[in-house]
Amino acid sequence: MPQNDPISTPSAMTLTLPAAQDAWTQPDFGAVLLTELQRAGALIGPLQHGIRRGSHALTDDVSLMVLQRSESADDLRVKAGLSYFSIIPGCACEADPTPMSELPEYVELCIAIRRADSAATLELLDD
């Protein structure tokens, strides 16, 4: 995972993940992290930006898999794979020949959580 200081990266959203930080050593860490990210609305941008097949990310059915973890005195870092779906919406006309089907998508994120205050950043990782 990148070792730069992701906490200093400017962001439009102030994100804190205290429940994820508290669950760091627990077996349900991934589920807690996903719930907290969804509650904060933090996945919309990365999932939309990571689309490869569709044009609109669907954020209601997202799966998160923890791929790698590391920790230091200052922060906790997680490399996570997220599986989700996207769509290519048609015109929504009655006679629209384009079926609205969900397309599988996958992205990887680096999530850094600062220990001092649970402030967090998300970094979309390239393929």
C-alpha atoms as a PDB file:
ATOM      1  CA  MET A   1       0.000   0.000   0.000  1.00  0.00           C
ATOM      2  CA  PRO A   2       1.198   3.549  -0.578  1.00  0.00           C
ATOM      3  CA  GLN A   3       3.136   4.989   2.323  1.00  0.00           C
ATOM      4  CA  ASN A   4       2.469   8.690   1.663  1.00  0.00           C
ATOM      5  CA  ASP A   5       0.410  10.681   4.161  1.00  0.00           C
ATOM      6  CA  PRO A   6      -3.179  10.252   2.913  1.00  0.00           C
ATOM      7  CA  ILE A   7      -4.619  12.143   5.878  1.00  0.00           C
ATOM      8  CA  SER A   8      -3.302  15.435   4.470  1.00  0.00           C
ATOM      9  CA  THR A   9      -5.002  14.896   1.113  1.00  0.00           C
ATOM     10  CA  PRO A  10      -7.651  17.593   0.632  1.00  0.00           C
ATOM     11  CA  SER A  11     -11.179  16.259   0.605  1.00  0.00           C
ATOM     12  CA  ALA A  12     -14.632  17.739   0.196  1.00  0.00           C
ATOM     13  CA  MET A  13     -15.888  15.465   2.955  1.00  0.00           C
ATOM     14  CA  THR A  14     -14.586  15.208   6.482  1.00  0.00           C
ATOM     15  CA  LEU A  15     -14.739  11.525   7.194  1.00  0.00           C
ATOM     16  CA  THR A  16     -14.326   9.898  10.577  1.00  0.00           C
ATOM     17  CA  LEU A  17     -14.516   6.151  11.149  1.00  0.00           C
ATOM     18  CA  PRO A  18     -14.558   5.627  14.935  1.00  0.00           C
ATOM     19  CA  ALA A  19     -16.523   2.354  14.827  1.00  0.00           C
ATOM     20  CA  ALA A  20     -14.103   0.882  12.272  1.00  0.00           C
ATOM     21  CA  GLN A  21     -11.161   1.994  14.386  1.00  0.00           C
ATOM     22  CA  ASP A  22     -12.726   0.353  17.460  1.00  0.00           C
ATOM     23  CA  ALA A  23     -13.366  -2.873  15.496  1.00  0.00           C
ATOM     24  CA  TRP A  24      -9.805  -3.068  14.062  1.00  0.00           C
ATOM     25  CA  THR A  25      -8.942  -6.280  15.918  1.00  0.00           C
ATOM     26  CA  GLN A  26     -12.420  -7.818  15.708  1.00  0.00           C
ATOM     27  CA  PRO A  27     -13.460 -10.534  13.225  1.00  0.00           C
ATOM     28  CA  ASP A  28     -16.312  -8.329  11.932  1.00  0.00           C
ATOM     29  CA  PHE A  29     -14.000  -5.404  11.071  1.00  0.00           C
ATOM     30  CA  GLY A  30     -14.843  -5.539   7.340  1.00  0.00           C
ATOM     31  CA  ALA A  31     -18.588  -5.435   7.976  1.00  0.00           C
ATOM     32  CA  VAL A  32     -18.225  -2.568  10.464  1.00  0.00           C
ATOM     33  CA  LEU A  33     -16.033  -0.630   8.022  1.00  0.00           C
ATOM     34  CA  LEU A  34     -18.493  -1.102   5.149  1.00  0.00           C
ATOM     35  CA  THR A  35     -21.463  -0.056   7.282  1.00  0.00           C
ATOM     36  CA  GLU A  36     -19.682   3.075   8.461  1.00  0.00           C
ATOM     37  CA  LEU A  37     -18.539   4.018   4.944  1.00  0.00           C
ATOM     38  CA  GLN A  38     -22.067   3.548   3.577  1.00  0.00           C
ATOM     39  CA  ARG A  39     -23.645   5.516   6.424  1.00  0.00           C
ATOM     40  CA  ALA A  40     -21.291   8.427   5.717  1.00  0.00           C
ATOM     41  CA  GLY A  41     -22.022   8.310   1.966  1.00  0.00           C
ATOM     42  CA  ALA A  42     -18.274   7.957   1.403  1.00  0.00           C
ATOM     43  CA  LEU A  43     -18.449   5.232  -1.264  1.00  0.00           C
ATOM     44  CA  ILE A  44     -20.478   7.099  -3.873  1.00  0.00           C
ATOM     45  CA  GLY A  45     -17.513   9.000  -5.366  1.00  0.00           C
ATOM     46  CA  PRO A  46     -14.971   6.167  -5.442  1.00  0.00           C
ATOM     47  CA  LEU A  47     -17.461   3.642  -6.824  1.00  0.00           C
ATOM     48  CA  GLN A  48     -18.679   6.046  -9.503  1.00  0.00           C
ATOM     49  CA  HIS A  49     -15.110   6.946 -10.453  1.00  0.00           C
ATOM     50  CA  GLY A  50     -14.072   3.278 -10.580  1.00  0.00           C
ATOM     51  CA  ILE A  51     -16.747   2.182 -13.069  1.00  0.00           C
ATOM     52  CA  ARG A  52     -15.400   0.180 -16.018  1.00  0.00           C
ATOM     53  CA  ARG A  53     -18.544  -1.287 -17.604  1.00  0.00           C
ATOM     54  CA  GLY A  54     -21.580   0.863 -16.830  1.00  0.00           C
ATOM     55  CA  SER A  55     -22.233   4.555 -16.371  1.00  0.00           C
ATOM     56  CA  HIS A  56     -23.958   4.816 -12.983  1.00  0.00           C
ATOM     57  CA  ALA A  57     -22.771   3.104  -9.761  1.00  0.00           C
ATOM     58  CA  LEU A  58     -25.330   1.361  -7.577  1.00  0.00           C
ATOM     59  CA  THR A  59     -24.326   1.654  -3.943  1.00  0.00           C
ATOM     60  CA  ASP A  60     -27.068  -0.368  -2.258  1.00  0.00           C
ATOM     61  CA  ASP A  61     -25.485  -3.821  -2.777  1.00  0.00           C
ATOM     62  CA  VAL A  62     -21.762  -3.435  -2.070  1.00  0.00           C
ATOM     63  CA  SER A  63     -19.486  -6.176  -0.757  1.00  0.00           C
ATOM     64  CA  LEU A  64     -16.187  -5.331   0.930  1.00  0.00           C
ATOM     65  CA  MET A  65     -13.271  -7.714   1.313  1.00  0.00           C
ATOM     66  CA  VAL A  66     -10.249  -6.755   3.406  1.00  0.00           C
ATOM     67  CA  LEU A  67      -7.230  -7.595   1.238  1.00  0.00           C
ATOM     68  CA  GLN A  68      -4.437  -6.214   3.399  1.00  0.00           C
ATOM     69  CA  ARG A  69      -4.002  -4.422   6.728  1.00  0.00           C
ATOM     70  CA  SER A  70      -1.135  -2.553   8.285  1.00  0.00           C
ATOM     71  CA  GLU A  71      -0.751  -0.303  11.274  1.00  0.00           C
ATOM     72  CA  SER A  72       1.715   2.186  12.648  1.00  0.00           C
ATOM     73  CA  ALA A  73       1.819   4.365  15.728  1.00  0.00           C
ATOM     74  CA  ASP A  74      -0.121   7.057  13.814  1.00  0.00           C
ATOM     75  CA  ASP A  75      -2.632   5.236  11.632  1.00  0.00           C
ATOM     76  CA  LEU A  76      -4.393   2.105  10.494  1.00  0.00           C
ATOM     77  CA  ARG A  77      -4.355   1.264   6.774  1.00  0.00           C
ATOM     78  CA  VAL A  78      -6.619  -1.084   4.914  1.00  0.00           C
ATOM     79  CA  LYS A  79      -6.509  -2.197   1.311  1.00  0.00           C
ATOM     80  CA  ALA A  80     -10.055  -3.283   0.482  1.00  0.00           C
ATOM     81  CA  GLY A  81     -11.696  -4.744  -2.592  1.00  0.00           C
ATOM     82  CA  LEU A  82     -15.255  -3.637  -3.248  1.00  0.00           C
ATOM     83  CA  SER A  83     -17.634  -5.510  -5.524  1.00  0.00           C
ATOM     84  CA  TYR A  84     -20.743  -3.682  -6.669  1.00  0.00           C
ATOM     85  CA  PHE A  85     -22.955  -3.130  -9.696  1.00  0.00           C
ATOM     86  CA  SER A  86     -23.417  -0.378 -12.231  1.00  0.00           C
ATOM     87  CA  ILE A  87     -26.040   0.248 -14.871  1.00  0.00           C
ATOM     88  CA  ILE A  88     -26.341   1.947 -18.228  1.00  0.00           C
ATOM     89  CA  PRO A  89     -29.729   3.601 -17.930  1.00  0.00           C
ATOM     90  CA  GLY A  90     -31.923   3.848 -21.013  1.00  0.00           C
ATOM     91  CA  CYS A  91     -34.347   6.630 -21.735  1.00  0.00           C
ATOM     92  CA  ALA A  92     -36.998   5.022 -19.494  1.00  0.00           C
ATOM     93  CA  CYS A  93     -39.514   5.251 -22.315  1.00  0.00           C
ATOM     94  CA  GLU A  94     -42.189   2.593 -22.553  1.00  0.00           C
ATOM     95  CA  ALA A  95     -40.804   1.289 -25.853  1.00  0.00           C
ATOM     96  CA  ASP A  96     -37.129   1.598 -24.867  1.00  0.00           C
ATOM     97  CA  PRO A  97     -35.393  -1.454 -26.359  1.00  0.00           C
ATOM     98  CA  THR A  98     -32.457  -1.153 -23.965  1.00  0.00           C
ATOM     99  CA  PRO A  99     -32.931  -3.446 -20.980  1.00  0.00           C
ATOM    100  CA  MET A 100     -31.766  -2.060 -17.655  1.00  0.00           C
ATOM    101  CA  SER A 101     -29.305  -4.691 -16.479  1.00  0.00           C
ATOM    102  CA  GLU A 102     -26.822  -4.563 -13.642  1.00  0.00           C
ATOM    103  CA  LEU A 103     -23.171  -4.929 -14.593  1.00  0.00           C
ATOM    104  CA  PRO A 104     -20.584  -6.269 -12.120  1.00  0.00           C
ATOM    105  CA  GLU A 105     -17.866  -3.813 -11.049  1.00  0.00           C
ATOM    106  CA  TYR A 106     -14.810  -4.017  -8.790  1.00  0.00           C
ATOM    107  CA  VAL A 107     -12.477  -1.424  -7.285  1.00  0.00           C
ATOM    108  CA  GLU A 108      -9.743  -1.408  -4.679  1.00  0.00           C
ATOM    109  CA  LEU A 109      -9.399   1.320  -2.077  1.00  0.00           C
ATOM    110  CA  CYS A 110      -6.711   2.252   0.402  1.00  0.00           C
ATOM    111  CA  ILE A 111      -8.379   3.504   3.570  1.00  0.00           C
ATOM    112  CA  ALA A 112      -6.262   5.269   6.170  1.00  0.00           C
ATOM    113  CA  ILE A 113      -7.639   5.957   9.643  1.00  0.00           C
ATOM    114  CA  ARG A 114      -5.691   8.303  11.905  1.00  0.00           C
ATOM    115  CA  ARG A 115      -5.514   6.842  15.412  1.00  0.00           C
ATOM    116  CA  ALA A 116      -5.627  10.202  17.206  1.00  0.00           C
ATOM    117  CA  ASP A 117      -9.113  11.222  16.023  1.00  0.00           C
ATOM    118  CA  SER A 118     -10.440   8.534  13.609  1.00  0.00           C
ATOM    119  CA  ALA A 119     -10.108  10.963  10.677  1.00  0.00           C
ATOM    120  CA  ALA A 120      -9.984   8.921   7.503  1.00  0.00           C
ATOM    121  CA  THR A 121      -9.199   9.203   3.822  1.00  0.00           C
ATOM    122  CA  LEU A 122     -10.040   6.969   0.898  1.00  0.00           C
ATOM    123  CA  GLU A 123      -7.750   6.517  -2.073  1.00  0.00           C
ATOM    124  CA  LEU A 124      -8.975   4.731  -5.180  1.00  0.00           C
ATOM    125  CA  LEU A 125      -6.193   2.434  -6.350  1.00  0.00           C
ATOM    126  CA  ASP A 126      -5.454   1.923 -10.032  1.00  0.00           C
ATOM    127  CA  ASP A 127      -5.569  -1.519 -11.596  1.00  0.00           C
END
